[in-house]
Amino acid sequence: MALDHLESVPEKLNLLDDMKDLNDSHLQREVMEERYAQYREIIGSLQQQLEDSKRRIQEYREEKFKADIQNARLSALSSSLRANSSFLSSSLRSDVTSPIKRGTPPYSEGLKDSTRSLTLNGVTS
């Protein structure tokens, strides 16, 4: 219609080309805006995934730290129990090989010596 009339006027051909270029530019801009919107969506999704990954890594590190502390405590307790067990078993072995009779308290020898000079009714034994 109006554009057809412009094509018939040679001096207005530049104006028609400019309008076509403007229309093409407008379409290109719309395409670019759509692509930019998709790009922003993708970037937002990737940023969220990154934040989620960082959070999971931090949770893992905290759990690992707690597990390492628990492991260290259990190792210390285990070593302590082994040391006590070793001490007790060596004590039992030394009791078996000691010159003091088994079943008598270690202080009973000293009691025998102190009871030898006991005085009863004025008589020293």
PDB file of N, CA and C in Angstrom:
ATOM      1  N   MET A   1       0.803  -1.181   0.000  1.00  0.00           N
ATOM      2  CA  MET A   1       0.000   0.000   0.000  1.00  0.00           C
ATOM      3  C   MET A   1       0.856   1.259   0.000  1.00  0.00           C
ATOM      4  N   ALA A   2       1.115   1.837   1.134  1.00  0.00           N
ATOM      5  CA  ALA A   2       1.898   3.071   1.135  1.00  0.00           C
ATOM      6  C   ALA A   2       3.322   2.788   0.701  1.00  0.00           C
ATOM      7  N   LEU A   3       3.827   1.629   1.057  1.00  0.00           N
ATOM      8  CA  LEU A   3       5.200   1.278   0.677  1.00  0.00           C
ATOM      9  C   LEU A   3       5.283   1.032  -0.826  1.00  0.00           C
ATOM     10  N   ASP A   4       4.220   0.466  -1.386  1.00  0.00           N
ATOM     11  CA  ASP A   4       4.209   0.267  -2.841  1.00  0.00           C
ATOM     12  C   ASP A   4       4.302   1.605  -3.563  1.00  0.00           C
ATOM     13  N   HIS A   5       3.637   2.602  -3.017  1.00  0.00           N
ATOM     14  CA  HIS A   5       3.684   3.938  -3.602  1.00  0.00           C
ATOM     15  C   HIS A   5       5.092   4.520  -3.513  1.00  0.00           C
ATOM     16  N   LEU A   6       5.807   4.220  -2.364  1.00  0.00           N
ATOM     17  CA  LEU A   6       7.173   4.726  -2.206  1.00  0.00           C
ATOM     18  C   LEU A   6       8.118   4.082  -3.217  1.00  0.00           C
ATOM     19  N   GLU A   7       7.884   2.822  -3.553  1.00  0.00           N
ATOM     20  CA  GLU A   7       8.742   2.155  -4.528  1.00  0.00           C
ATOM     21  C   GLU A   7       8.642   2.804  -5.913  1.00  0.00           C
ATOM     22  N   SER A   8       7.539   3.398  -6.153  1.00  0.00           N
ATOM     23  CA  SER A   8       7.388   4.038  -7.459  1.00  0.00           C
ATOM     24  C   SER A   8       8.094   5.391  -7.523  1.00  0.00           C
ATOM     25  N   VAL A   9       8.481   5.928  -6.394  1.00  0.00           N
ATOM     26  CA  VAL A   9       9.167   7.226  -6.381  1.00  0.00           C
ATOM     27  C   VAL A   9      10.654   6.950  -6.149  1.00  0.00           C
ATOM     28  N   PRO A  10      11.492   7.218  -7.135  1.00  0.00           N
ATOM     29  CA  PRO A  10      12.913   6.870  -7.034  1.00  0.00           C
ATOM     30  C   PRO A  10      13.642   7.593  -5.906  1.00  0.00           C
ATOM     31  N   GLU A  11      13.341   8.810  -5.614  1.00  0.00           N
ATOM     32  CA  GLU A  11      14.077   9.518  -4.561  1.00  0.00           C
ATOM     33  C   GLU A  11      13.708   9.032  -3.157  1.00  0.00           C
ATOM     34  N   LYS A  12      12.620   8.282  -3.025  1.00  0.00           N
ATOM     35  CA  LYS A  12      12.206   7.771  -1.719  1.00  0.00           C
ATOM     36  C   LYS A  12      12.688   6.339  -1.495  1.00  0.00           C
ATOM     37  N   LEU A  13      13.406   5.775  -2.456  1.00  0.00           N
ATOM     38  CA  LEU A  13      13.905   4.395  -2.298  1.00  0.00           C
ATOM     39  C   LEU A  13      14.839   4.263  -1.095  1.00  0.00           C
ATOM     40  N   ASN A  14      15.647   5.236  -0.835  1.00  0.00           N
ATOM     41  CA  ASN A  14      16.541   5.202   0.334  1.00  0.00           C
ATOM     42  C   ASN A  14      15.741   5.149   1.628  1.00  0.00           C
ATOM     43  N   LEU A  15      14.653   5.873   1.669  1.00  0.00           N
ATOM     44  CA  LEU A  15      13.788   5.855   2.846  1.00  0.00           C
ATOM     45  C   LEU A  15      13.192   4.463   3.049  1.00  0.00           C
ATOM     46  N   LEU A  16      12.785   3.828   1.981  1.00  0.00           N
ATOM     47  CA  LEU A  16      12.230   2.473   2.046  1.00  0.00           C
ATOM     48  C   LEU A  16      13.293   1.488   2.538  1.00  0.00           C
ATOM     49  N   ASP A  17      14.510   1.582   2.020  1.00  0.00           N
ATOM     50  CA  ASP A  17      15.603   0.721   2.483  1.00  0.00           C
ATOM     51  C   ASP A  17      15.892   0.941   3.967  1.00  0.00           C
ATOM     52  N   ASP A  18      15.846   2.196   4.366  1.00  0.00           N
ATOM     53  CA  ASP A  18      16.081   2.504   5.782  1.00  0.00           C
ATOM     54  C   ASP A  18      15.002   1.892   6.674  1.00  0.00           C
ATOM     55  N   MET A  19      13.763   1.920   6.226  1.00  0.00           N
ATOM     56  CA  MET A  19      12.666   1.339   7.006  1.00  0.00           C
ATOM     57  C   MET A  19      12.803  -0.183   7.082  1.00  0.00           C
ATOM     58  N   LYS A  20      13.218  -0.802   5.984  1.00  0.00           N
ATOM     59  CA  LYS A  20      13.444  -2.254   6.008  1.00  0.00           C
ATOM     60  C   LYS A  20      14.589  -2.589   6.961  1.00  0.00           C
ATOM     61  N   ASP A  21      15.649  -1.793   6.894  1.00  0.00           N
ATOM     62  CA  ASP A  21      16.783  -2.011   7.807  1.00  0.00           C
ATOM     63  C   ASP A  21      16.343  -1.849   9.257  1.00  0.00           C
ATOM     64  N   LEU A  22      15.508  -0.848   9.522  1.00  0.00           N
ATOM     65  CA  LEU A  22      15.000  -0.607  10.867  1.00  0.00           C
ATOM     66  C   LEU A  22      14.161  -1.793  11.335  1.00  0.00           C
ATOM     67  N   ASN A  23      13.318  -2.315  10.448  1.00  0.00           N
ATOM     68  CA  ASN A  23      12.495  -3.472  10.781  1.00  0.00           C
ATOM     69  C   ASN A  23      13.375  -4.695  11.058  1.00  0.00           C
ATOM     70  N   ASP A  24      14.384  -4.919  10.211  1.00  0.00           N
ATOM     71  CA  ASP A  24      15.327  -6.021  10.437  1.00  0.00           C
ATOM     72  C   ASP A  24      16.064  -5.853  11.761  1.00  0.00           C
ATOM     73  N   SER A  25      16.476  -4.642  12.032  1.00  0.00           N
ATOM     74  CA  SER A  25      17.178  -4.357  13.296  1.00  0.00           C
ATOM     75  C   SER A  25      16.269  -4.631  14.483  1.00  0.00           C
ATOM     76  N   HIS A  26      15.010  -4.251  14.355  1.00  0.00           N
ATOM     77  CA  HIS A  26      14.048  -4.493  15.433  1.00  0.00           C
ATOM     78  C   HIS A  26      13.874  -5.995  15.669  1.00  0.00           C
ATOM     79  N   LEU A  27      13.769  -6.766  14.583  1.00  0.00           N
ATOM     80  CA  LEU A  27      13.643  -8.220  14.712  1.00  0.00           C
ATOM     81  C   LEU A  27      14.906  -8.828  15.335  1.00  0.00           C
ATOM     82  N   GLN A  28      16.060  -8.328  14.898  1.00  0.00           N
ATOM     83  CA  GLN A  28      17.316  -8.817  15.474  1.00  0.00           C
ATOM     84  C   GLN A  28      17.389  -8.486  16.964  1.00  0.00           C
ATOM     85  N   ARG A  29      16.916  -7.314  17.331  1.00  0.00           N
ATOM     86  CA  ARG A  29      16.927  -6.913  18.739  1.00  0.00           C
ATOM     87  C   ARG A  29      16.028  -7.839  19.555  1.00  0.00           C
ATOM     88  N   GLU A  30      14.848  -8.168  19.033  1.00  0.00           N
ATOM     89  CA  GLU A  30      13.948  -9.078  19.731  1.00  0.00           C
ATOM     90  C   GLU A  30      14.599 -10.448  19.929  1.00  0.00           C
ATOM     91  N   VAL A  31      15.259 -10.940  18.873  1.00  0.00           N
ATOM     92  CA  VAL A  31      15.953 -12.225  18.966  1.00  0.00           C
ATOM     93  C   VAL A  31      17.056 -12.148  20.026  1.00  0.00           C
ATOM     94  N   MET A  32      17.799 -11.052  19.997  1.00  0.00           N
ATOM     95  CA  MET A  32      18.884 -10.869  20.971  1.00  0.00           C
ATOM     96  C   MET A  32      18.337 -10.788  22.398  1.00  0.00           C
ATOM     97  N   GLU A  33      17.224 -10.099  22.585  1.00  0.00           N
ATOM     98  CA  GLU A  33      16.621  -9.999  23.913  1.00  0.00           C
ATOM     99  C   GLU A  33      16.142 -11.361  24.402  1.00  0.00           C
ATOM    100  N   GLU A  34      15.577 -12.162  23.497  1.00  0.00           N
ATOM    101  CA  GLU A  34      15.153 -13.515  23.865  1.00  0.00           C
ATOM    102  C   GLU A  34      16.356 -14.360  24.259  1.00  0.00           C
ATOM    103  N   ARG A  35      17.410 -14.273  23.477  1.00  0.00           N
ATOM    104  CA  ARG A  35      18.638 -15.018  23.787  1.00  0.00           C
ATOM    105  C   ARG A  35      19.228 -14.551  25.116  1.00  0.00           C
ATOM    106  N   TYR A  36      19.209 -13.251  25.354  1.00  0.00           N
ATOM    107  CA  TYR A  36      19.737 -12.706  26.603  1.00  0.00           C
ATOM    108  C   TYR A  36      18.921 -13.203  27.794  1.00  0.00           C
ATOM    109  N   ALA A  37      17.593 -13.239  27.626  1.00  0.00           N
ATOM    110  CA  ALA A  37      16.720 -13.742  28.693  1.00  0.00           C
ATOM    111  C   ALA A  37      17.046 -15.216  28.979  1.00  0.00           C
ATOM    112  N   GLN A  38      17.258 -16.010  27.915  1.00  0.00           N
ATOM    113  CA  GLN A  38      17.628 -17.418  28.097  1.00  0.00           C
ATOM    114  C   GLN A  38      18.995 -17.527  28.776  1.00  0.00           C
ATOM    115  N   TYR A  39      19.903 -16.681  28.344  1.00  0.00           N
ATOM    116  CA  TYR A  39      21.246 -16.657  28.938  1.00  0.00           C
ATOM    117  C   TYR A  39      21.152 -16.344  30.431  1.00  0.00           C
ATOM    118  N   ARG A  40      20.375 -15.326  30.801  1.00  0.00           N
ATOM    119  CA  ARG A  40      20.220 -14.949  32.209  1.00  0.00           C
ATOM    120  C   ARG A  40      19.601 -16.098  33.008  1.00  0.00           C
ATOM    121  N   GLU A  41      18.646 -16.800  32.394  1.00  0.00           N
ATOM    122  CA  GLU A  41      18.023 -17.945  33.045  1.00  0.00           C
ATOM    123  C   GLU A  41      19.056 -19.040  33.311  1.00  0.00           C
ATOM    124  N   ILE A  42      19.868 -19.330  32.290  1.00  0.00           N
ATOM    125  CA  ILE A  42      20.909 -20.358  32.419  1.00  0.00           C
ATOM    126  C   ILE A  42      21.928 -19.948  33.483  1.00  0.00           C
ATOM    127  N   ILE A  43      22.348 -18.694  33.445  1.00  0.00           N
ATOM    128  CA  ILE A  43      23.316 -18.198  34.429  1.00  0.00           C
ATOM    129  C   ILE A  43      22.739 -18.308  35.838  1.00  0.00           C
ATOM    130  N   GLY A  44      21.476 -17.926  36.004  1.00  0.00           N
ATOM    131  CA  GLY A  44      20.828 -18.036  37.319  1.00  0.00           C
ATOM    132  C   GLY A  44      20.794 -19.469  37.809  1.00  0.00           C
ATOM    133  N   SER A  45      20.473 -20.380  36.914  1.00  0.00           N
ATOM    134  CA  SER A  45      20.435 -21.803  37.268  1.00  0.00           C
ATOM    135  C   SER A  45      21.824 -22.307  37.657  1.00  0.00           C
ATOM    136  N   LEU A  46      22.832 -21.923  36.877  1.00  0.00           N
ATOM    137  CA  LEU A  46      24.206 -22.343  37.188  1.00  0.00           C
ATOM    138  C   LEU A  46      24.682 -21.763  38.516  1.00  0.00           C
ATOM    139  N   GLN A  47      24.324 -20.510  38.782  1.00  0.00           N
ATOM    140  CA  GLN A  47      24.708 -19.897  40.057  1.00  0.00           C
ATOM    141  C   GLN A  47      24.045 -20.620  41.222  1.00  0.00           C
ATOM    142  N   GLN A  48      22.786 -21.008  41.056  1.00  0.00           N
ATOM    143  CA  GLN A  48      22.091 -21.751  42.106  1.00  0.00           C
ATOM    144  C   GLN A  48      22.743 -23.109  42.325  1.00  0.00           C
ATOM    145  N   GLN A  49      23.106 -23.785  41.227  1.00  0.00           N
ATOM    146  CA  GLN A  49      23.793 -25.073  41.348  1.00  0.00           C
ATOM    147  C   GLN A  49      25.128 -24.911  42.063  1.00  0.00           C
ATOM    148  N   LEU A  50      25.835 -23.830  41.743  1.00  0.00           N
ATOM    149  CA  LEU A  50      27.117 -23.562  42.392  1.00  0.00           C
ATOM    150  C   LEU A  50      26.928 -23.345  43.892  1.00  0.00           C
ATOM    151  N   GLU A  51      25.941 -22.550  44.264  1.00  0.00           N
ATOM    152  CA  GLU A  51      25.663 -22.309  45.683  1.00  0.00           C
ATOM    153  C   GLU A  51      25.280 -23.601  46.395  1.00  0.00           C
ATOM    154  N   ASP A  52      24.446 -24.421  45.747  1.00  0.00           N
ATOM    155  CA  ASP A  52      24.067 -25.713  46.332  1.00  0.00           C
ATOM    156  C   ASP A  52      25.290 -26.607  46.517  1.00  0.00           C
ATOM    157  N   SER A  53      26.171 -26.621  45.527  1.00  0.00           N
ATOM    158  CA  SER A  53      27.389 -27.435  45.619  1.00  0.00           C
ATOM    159  C   SER A  53      28.291 -26.944  46.739  1.00  0.00           C
ATOM    160  N   LYS A  54      28.427 -25.635  46.858  1.00  0.00           N
ATOM    161  CA  LYS A  54      29.239 -25.068  47.943  1.00  0.00           C
ATOM    162  C   LYS A  54      28.668 -25.448  49.301  1.00  0.00           C
ATOM    163  N   ARG A  55      27.342 -25.380  49.432  1.00  0.00           N
ATOM    164  CA  ARG A  55      26.691 -25.743  50.688  1.00  0.00           C
ATOM    165  C   ARG A  55      26.915 -27.220  51.009  1.00  0.00           C
ATOM    166  N   ARG A  56      26.768 -28.085  50.002  1.00  0.00           N
ATOM    167  CA  ARG A  56      26.978 -29.518  50.218  1.00  0.00           C
ATOM    168  C   ARG A  56      28.434 -29.812  50.587  1.00  0.00           C
ATOM    169  N   ILE A  57      29.359 -29.122  49.958  1.00  0.00           N
ATOM    170  CA  ILE A  57      30.777 -29.303  50.283  1.00  0.00           C
ATOM    171  C   ILE A  57      31.036 -28.886  51.721  1.00  0.00           C
ATOM    172  N   GLN A  58      30.469 -27.756  52.135  1.00  0.00           N
ATOM    173  CA  GLN A  58      30.649 -27.291  53.510  1.00  0.00           C
ATOM    174  C   GLN A  58      30.051 -28.278  54.501  1.00  0.00           C
ATOM    175  N   GLU A  59      28.860 -28.805  54.190  1.00  0.00           N
ATOM    176  CA  GLU A  59      28.246 -29.812  55.056  1.00  0.00           C
ATOM    177  C   GLU A  59      29.119 -31.055  55.137  1.00  0.00           C
ATOM    178  N   TYR A  60      29.674 -31.475  54.001  1.00  0.00           N
ATOM    179  CA  TYR A  60      30.549 -32.647  53.980  1.00  0.00           C
ATOM    180  C   TYR A  60      31.779 -32.398  54.849  1.00  0.00           C
ATOM    181  N   ARG A  61      32.384 -31.216  54.712  1.00  0.00           N
ATOM    182  CA  ARG A  61      33.573 -30.894  55.504  1.00  0.00           C
ATOM    183  C   ARG A  61      33.266 -30.901  56.993  1.00  0.00           C
ATOM    184  N   GLU A  62      32.111 -30.360  57.364  1.00  0.00           N
ATOM    185  CA  GLU A  62      31.721 -30.345  58.774  1.00  0.00           C
ATOM    186  C   GLU A  62      31.508 -31.758  59.290  1.00  0.00           C
ATOM    187  N   GLU A  63      30.832 -32.586  58.510  1.00  0.00           N
ATOM    188  CA  GLU A  63      30.612 -33.979  58.915  1.00  0.00           C
ATOM    189  C   GLU A  63      31.939 -34.734  59.008  1.00  0.00           C
ATOM    190  N   LYS A  64      32.823 -34.495  58.048  1.00  0.00           N
ATOM    191  CA  LYS A  64      34.127 -35.156  58.066  1.00  0.00           C
ATOM    192  C   LYS A  64      34.927 -34.714  59.286  1.00  0.00           C
ATOM    193  N   PHE A  65      34.874 -33.427  59.612  1.00  0.00           N
ATOM    194  CA  PHE A  65      35.573 -32.907  60.776  1.00  0.00           C
ATOM    195  C   PHE A  65      35.049 -33.570  62.050  1.00  0.00           C
ATOM    196  N   LYS A  66      33.717 -33.664  62.164  1.00  0.00           N
ATOM    197  CA  LYS A  66      33.128 -34.322  63.326  1.00  0.00           C
ATOM    198  C   LYS A  66      33.549 -35.790  63.397  1.00  0.00           C
ATOM    199  N   ALA A  67      33.547 -36.455  62.250  1.00  0.00           N
ATOM    200  CA  ALA A  67      33.944 -37.866  62.211  1.00  0.00           C
ATOM    201  C   ALA A  67      35.422 -38.025  62.585  1.00  0.00           C
ATOM    202  N   ASP A  68      36.269 -37.110  62.125  1.00  0.00           N
ATOM    203  CA  ASP A  68      37.691 -37.168  62.473  1.00  0.00           C
ATOM    204  C   ASP A  68      37.893 -36.979  63.971  1.00  0.00           C
ATOM    205  N   ILE A  69      37.146 -36.053  64.569  1.00  0.00           N
ATOM    206  CA  ILE A  69      37.237 -35.838  66.022  1.00  0.00           C
ATOM    207  C   ILE A  69      36.782 -37.089  66.754  1.00  0.00           C
ATOM    208  N   GLN A  70      35.665 -37.651  66.322  1.00  0.00           N
ATOM    209  CA  GLN A  70      35.153 -38.872  66.949  1.00  0.00           C
ATOM    210  C   GLN A  70      36.157 -40.013  66.799  1.00  0.00           C
ATOM    211  N   ASN A  71      36.769 -40.125  65.628  1.00  0.00           N
ATOM    212  CA  ASN A  71      37.770 -41.158  65.384  1.00  0.00           C
ATOM    213  C   ASN A  71      38.968 -40.970  66.306  1.00  0.00           C
ATOM    214  N   ALA A  72      39.408 -39.724  66.477  1.00  0.00           N
ATOM    215  CA  ALA A  72      40.548 -39.449  67.360  1.00  0.00           C
ATOM    216  C   ALA A  72      40.206 -39.807  68.803  1.00  0.00           C
ATOM    217  N   ARG A  73      38.998 -39.473  69.226  1.00  0.00           N
ATOM    218  CA  ARG A  73      38.577 -39.809  70.601  1.00  0.00           C
ATOM    219  C   ARG A  73      38.529 -41.319  70.795  1.00  0.00           C
ATOM    220  N   LEU A  74      37.959 -42.011  69.816  1.00  0.00           N
ATOM    221  CA  LEU A  74      37.882 -43.469  69.929  1.00  0.00           C
ATOM    222  C   LEU A  74      39.266 -44.104  69.904  1.00  0.00           C
ATOM    223  N   SER A  75      40.177 -43.564  69.100  1.00  0.00           N
ATOM    224  CA  SER A  75      41.542 -44.083  69.063  1.00  0.00           C
ATOM    225  C   SER A  75      42.232 -43.874  70.399  1.00  0.00           C
ATOM    226  N   ALA A  76      42.045 -42.690  70.991  1.00  0.00           N
ATOM    227  CA  ALA A  76      42.648 -42.406  72.290  1.00  0.00           C
ATOM    228  C   ALA A  76      42.072 -43.332  73.356  1.00  0.00           C
ATOM    229  N   LEU A  77      40.763 -43.530  73.323  1.00  0.00           N
ATOM    230  CA  LEU A  77      40.131 -44.429  74.278  1.00  0.00           C
ATOM    231  C   LEU A  77      40.626 -45.853  74.086  1.00  0.00           C
ATOM    232  N   SER A  78      40.737 -46.277  72.843  1.00  0.00           N
ATOM    233  CA  SER A  78      41.227 -47.623  72.547  1.00  0.00           C
ATOM    234  C   SER A  78      42.660 -47.805  73.048  1.00  0.00           C
ATOM    235  N   SER A  79      43.504 -46.810  72.809  1.00  0.00           N
ATOM    236  CA  SER A  79      44.882 -46.885  73.284  1.00  0.00           C
ATOM    237  C   SER A  79      44.927 -46.941  74.800  1.00  0.00           C
ATOM    238  N   SER A  80      44.101 -46.142  75.434  1.00  0.00           N
ATOM    239  CA  SER A  80      44.045 -46.126  76.895  1.00  0.00           C
ATOM    240  C   SER A  80      43.596 -47.482  77.431  1.00  0.00           C
ATOM    241  N   LEU A  81      42.580 -48.046  76.789  1.00  0.00           N
ATOM    242  CA  LEU A  81      42.104 -49.361  77.230  1.00  0.00           C
ATOM    243  C   LEU A  81      43.170 -50.430  77.015  1.00  0.00           C
ATOM    244  N   ARG A  82      43.877 -50.363  75.893  1.00  0.00           N
ATOM    245  CA  ARG A  82      44.959 -51.328  75.643  1.00  0.00           C
ATOM    246  C   ARG A  82      46.067 -51.189  76.685  1.00  0.00           C
ATOM    247  N   ALA A  83      46.393 -49.943  77.025  1.00  0.00           N
ATOM    248  CA  ALA A  83      47.443 -49.708  78.020  1.00  0.00           C
ATOM    249  C   ALA A  83      47.004 -50.245  79.381  1.00  0.00           C
ATOM    250  N   ASN A  84      45.763 -49.992  79.762  1.00  0.00           N
ATOM    251  CA  ASN A  84      45.255 -50.499  81.038  1.00  0.00           C
ATOM    252  C   ASN A  84      45.201 -52.012  81.026  1.00  0.00           C
ATOM    253  N   SER A  85      44.775 -52.577  79.933  1.00  0.00           N
ATOM    254  CA  SER A  85      44.708 -54.027  79.815  1.00  0.00           C
ATOM    255  C   SER A  85      46.101 -54.630  79.911  1.00  0.00           C
ATOM    256  N   SER A  86      47.048 -54.000  79.246  1.00  0.00           N
ATOM    257  CA  SER A  86      48.433 -54.474  79.294  1.00  0.00           C
ATOM    258  C   SER A  86      48.972 -54.381  80.707  1.00  0.00           C
ATOM    259  N   PHE A  87      48.682 -53.284  81.401  1.00  0.00           N
ATOM    260  CA  PHE A  87      49.140 -53.104  82.775  1.00  0.00           C
ATOM    261  C   PHE A  87      48.532 -54.162  83.678  1.00  0.00           C
ATOM    262  N   LEU A  88      47.229 -54.391  83.521  1.00  0.00           N
ATOM    263  CA  LEU A  88      46.565 -55.384  84.362  1.00  0.00           C
ATOM    264  C   LEU A  88      47.091 -56.784  84.093  1.00  0.00           C
ATOM    265  N   SER A  89      47.295 -57.117  82.824  1.00  0.00           N
ATOM    266  CA  SER A  89      47.779 -58.466  82.532  1.00  0.00           C
ATOM    267  C   SER A  89      49.212 -58.639  83.022  1.00  0.00           C
ATOM    268  N   SER A  90      50.049 -57.591  82.946  1.00  0.00           N
ATOM    269  CA  SER A  90      51.415 -57.716  83.470  1.00  0.00           C
ATOM    270  C   SER A  90      51.396 -57.772  84.993  1.00  0.00           C
ATOM    271  N   SER A  91      50.452 -57.098  85.630  1.00  0.00           N
ATOM    272  CA  SER A  91      50.324 -57.173  87.091  1.00  0.00           C
ATOM    273  C   SER A  91      49.929 -58.574  87.506  1.00  0.00           C
ATOM    274  N   LEU A  92      49.020 -59.181  86.778  1.00  0.00           N
ATOM    275  CA  LEU A  92      48.601 -60.545  87.097  1.00  0.00           C
ATOM    276  C   LEU A  92      49.761 -61.510  86.899  1.00  0.00           C
ATOM    277  N   ARG A  93      50.563 -61.312  85.863  1.00  0.00           N
ATOM    278  CA  ARG A  93      51.718 -62.180  85.641  1.00  0.00           C
ATOM    279  C   ARG A  93      52.741 -62.022  86.757  1.00  0.00           C
ATOM    280  N   SER A  94      52.955 -60.787  87.229  1.00  0.00           N
ATOM    281  CA  SER A  94      53.940 -60.590  88.291  1.00  0.00           C
ATOM    282  C   SER A  94      53.421 -61.148  89.603  1.00  0.00           C
ATOM    283  N   ASP A  95      52.102 -61.159  89.826  1.00  0.00           N
ATOM    284  CA  ASP A  95      51.537 -61.757  91.037  1.00  0.00           C
ATOM    285  C   ASP A  95      51.782 -63.260  91.056  1.00  0.00           C
ATOM    286  N   VAL A  96      51.717 -63.878  89.909  1.00  0.00           N
ATOM    287  CA  VAL A  96      51.924 -65.320  89.819  1.00  0.00           C
ATOM    288  C   VAL A  96      53.378 -65.659  90.126  1.00  0.00           C
ATOM    289  N   THR A  97      54.301 -64.822  89.695  1.00  0.00           N
ATOM    290  CA  THR A  97      55.717 -65.109  89.883  1.00  0.00           C
ATOM    291  C   THR A  97      56.298 -64.470  91.142  1.00  0.00           C
ATOM    292  N   SER A  98      55.533 -63.720  91.921  1.00  0.00           N
ATOM    293  CA  SER A  98      56.088 -63.054  93.111  1.00  0.00           C
ATOM    294  C   SER A  98      56.258 -64.067  94.234  1.00  0.00           C
ATOM    295  N   PRO A  99      57.204 -63.793  95.138  1.00  0.00           N
ATOM    296  CA  PRO A  99      57.460 -64.737  96.244  1.00  0.00           C
ATOM    297  C   PRO A  99      56.348 -64.736  97.290  1.00  0.00           C
ATOM    298  N   ILE A 100      55.529 -63.714  97.301  1.00  0.00           N
ATOM    299  CA  ILE A 100      54.428 -63.654  98.257  1.00  0.00           C
ATOM    300  C   ILE A 100      53.366 -64.638  97.806  1.00  0.00           C
ATOM    301  N   LYS A 101      52.789 -65.350  98.775  1.00  0.00           N
ATOM    302  CA  LYS A 101      51.781 -66.345  98.443  1.00  0.00           C
ATOM    303  C   LYS A 101      50.580 -65.665  97.814  1.00  0.00           C
ATOM    304  N   ARG A 102      50.028 -66.351  96.821  1.00  0.00           N
ATOM    305  CA  ARG A 102      48.815 -65.827  96.201  1.00  0.00           C
ATOM    306  C   ARG A 102      47.682 -65.907  97.203  1.00  0.00           C
ATOM    307  N   GLY A 103      46.858 -64.905  97.201  1.00  0.00           N
ATOM    308  CA  GLY A 103      45.701 -64.905  98.078  1.00  0.00           C
ATOM    309  C   GLY A 103      45.974 -64.214  99.399  1.00  0.00           C
ATOM    310  N   THR A 104      47.224 -63.947  99.748  1.00  0.00           N
ATOM    311  CA  THR A 104      47.523 -63.227 100.980  1.00  0.00           C
ATOM    312  C   THR A 104      47.890 -61.806 100.620  1.00  0.00           C
ATOM    313  N   PRO A 105      47.428 -60.865 101.389  1.00  0.00           N
ATOM    314  CA  PRO A 105      47.740 -59.486 101.072  1.00  0.00           C
ATOM    315  C   PRO A 105      49.235 -59.223 101.217  1.00  0.00           C
ATOM    316  N   PRO A 106      49.775 -58.306 100.435  1.00  0.00           N
ATOM    317  CA  PRO A 106      51.210 -58.049 100.476  1.00  0.00           C
ATOM    318  C   PRO A 106      51.670 -57.496 101.810  1.00  0.00           C
ATOM    319  N   TYR A 107      50.822 -56.975 102.608  1.00  0.00           N
ATOM    320  CA  TYR A 107      51.225 -56.415 103.897  1.00  0.00           C
ATOM    321  C   TYR A 107      51.217 -57.464 104.996  1.00  0.00           C
ATOM    322  N   SER A 108      50.808 -58.697 104.744  1.00  0.00           N
ATOM    323  CA  SER A 108      50.706 -59.720 105.785  1.00  0.00           C
ATOM    324  C   SER A 108      52.070 -60.119 106.329  1.00  0.00           C
ATOM    325  N   GLU A 109      53.140 -60.042 105.542  1.00  0.00           N
ATOM    326  CA  GLU A 109      54.484 -60.365 106.027  1.00  0.00           C
ATOM    327  C   GLU A 109      54.886 -59.411 107.130  1.00  0.00           C
ATOM    328  N   GLY A 110      54.583 -58.146 106.970  1.00  0.00           N
ATOM    329  CA  GLY A 110      54.915 -57.153 107.985  1.00  0.00           C
ATOM    330  C   GLY A 110      54.128 -57.370 109.263  1.00  0.00           C
ATOM    331  N   LEU A 111      52.930 -57.888 109.175  1.00  0.00           N
ATOM    332  CA  LEU A 111      52.121 -58.158 110.356  1.00  0.00           C
ATOM    333  C   LEU A 111      52.729 -59.289 111.164  1.00  0.00           C
ATOM    334  N   LYS A 112      53.306 -60.290 110.534  1.00  0.00           N
ATOM    335  CA  LYS A 112      53.929 -61.408 111.238  1.00  0.00           C
ATOM    336  C   LYS A 112      55.082 -60.909 112.083  1.00  0.00           C
ATOM    337  N   ASP A 113      55.893 -60.000 111.523  1.00  0.00           N
ATOM    338  CA  ASP A 113      57.032 -59.465 112.258  1.00  0.00           C
ATOM    339  C   ASP A 113      56.583 -58.641 113.455  1.00  0.00           C
ATOM    340  N   SER A 114      55.544 -57.870 113.312  1.00  0.00           N
ATOM    341  CA  SER A 114      55.114 -57.003 114.410  1.00  0.00           C
ATOM    342  C   SER A 114      54.366 -57.783 115.480  1.00  0.00           C
ATOM    343  N   THR A 115      53.827 -58.929 115.177  1.00  0.00           N
ATOM    344  CA  THR A 115      53.091 -59.709 116.183  1.00  0.00           C
ATOM    345  C   THR A 115      54.021 -60.617 116.970  1.00  0.00           C
ATOM    346  N   ARG A 116      55.256 -60.763 116.623  1.00  0.00           N
ATOM    347  CA  ARG A 116      56.205 -61.636 117.339  1.00  0.00           C
ATOM    348  C   ARG A 116      56.558 -61.080 118.722  1.00  0.00           C
ATOM    349  N   SER A 117      56.562 -59.796 118.819  1.00  0.00           N
ATOM    350  CA  SER A 117      56.938 -59.215 120.112  1.00  0.00           C
ATOM    351  C   SER A 117      55.731 -58.664 120.834  1.00  0.00           C
ATOM    352  N   LEU A 118      54.628 -59.320 120.729  1.00  0.00           N
ATOM    353  CA  LEU A 118      53.392 -58.886 121.353  1.00  0.00           C
ATOM    354  C   LEU A 118      53.378 -59.284 122.832  1.00  0.00           C
ATOM    355  N   THR A 119      52.942 -58.386 123.652  1.00  0.00           N
ATOM    356  CA  THR A 119      52.902 -58.666 125.110  1.00  0.00           C
ATOM    357  C   THR A 119      51.479 -58.962 125.487  1.00  0.00           C
ATOM    358  N   LEU A 120      51.278 -60.151 126.135  1.00  0.00           N
ATOM    359  CA  LEU A 120      49.966 -60.537 126.609  1.00  0.00           C
ATOM    360  C   LEU A 120      50.048 -60.807 128.106  1.00  0.00           C
ATOM    361  N   ASN A 121      49.233 -60.185 128.905  1.00  0.00           N
ATOM    362  CA  ASN A 121      49.183 -60.350 130.349  1.00  0.00           C
ATOM    363  C   ASN A 121      50.567 -60.260 130.987  1.00  0.00           C
ATOM    364  N   GLY A 122      51.353 -59.294 130.490  1.00  0.00           N
ATOM    365  CA  GLY A 122      52.672 -59.084 131.047  1.00  0.00           C
ATOM    366  C   GLY A 122      53.715 -60.024 130.525  1.00  0.00           C
ATOM    367  N   VAL A 123      53.377 -60.957 129.693  1.00  0.00           N
ATOM    368  CA  VAL A 123      54.338 -61.908 129.136  1.00  0.00           C
ATOM    369  C   VAL A 123      54.596 -61.530 127.702  1.00  0.00           C
ATOM    370  N   THR A 124      55.878 -61.322 127.380  1.00  0.00           N
ATOM    371  CA  THR A 124      56.244 -60.987 126.007  1.00  0.00           C
ATOM    372  C   THR A 124      56.474 -62.282 125.255  1.00  0.00           C
ATOM    373  N   SER A 125      55.892 -62.371 124.093  1.00  0.00           N
ATOM    374  CA  SER A 125      56.098 -63.600 123.337  1.00  0.00           C
ATOM    375  C   SER A 125      57.079 -63.381 122.233  1.00  0.00           C
TER     376      SER A 125
END
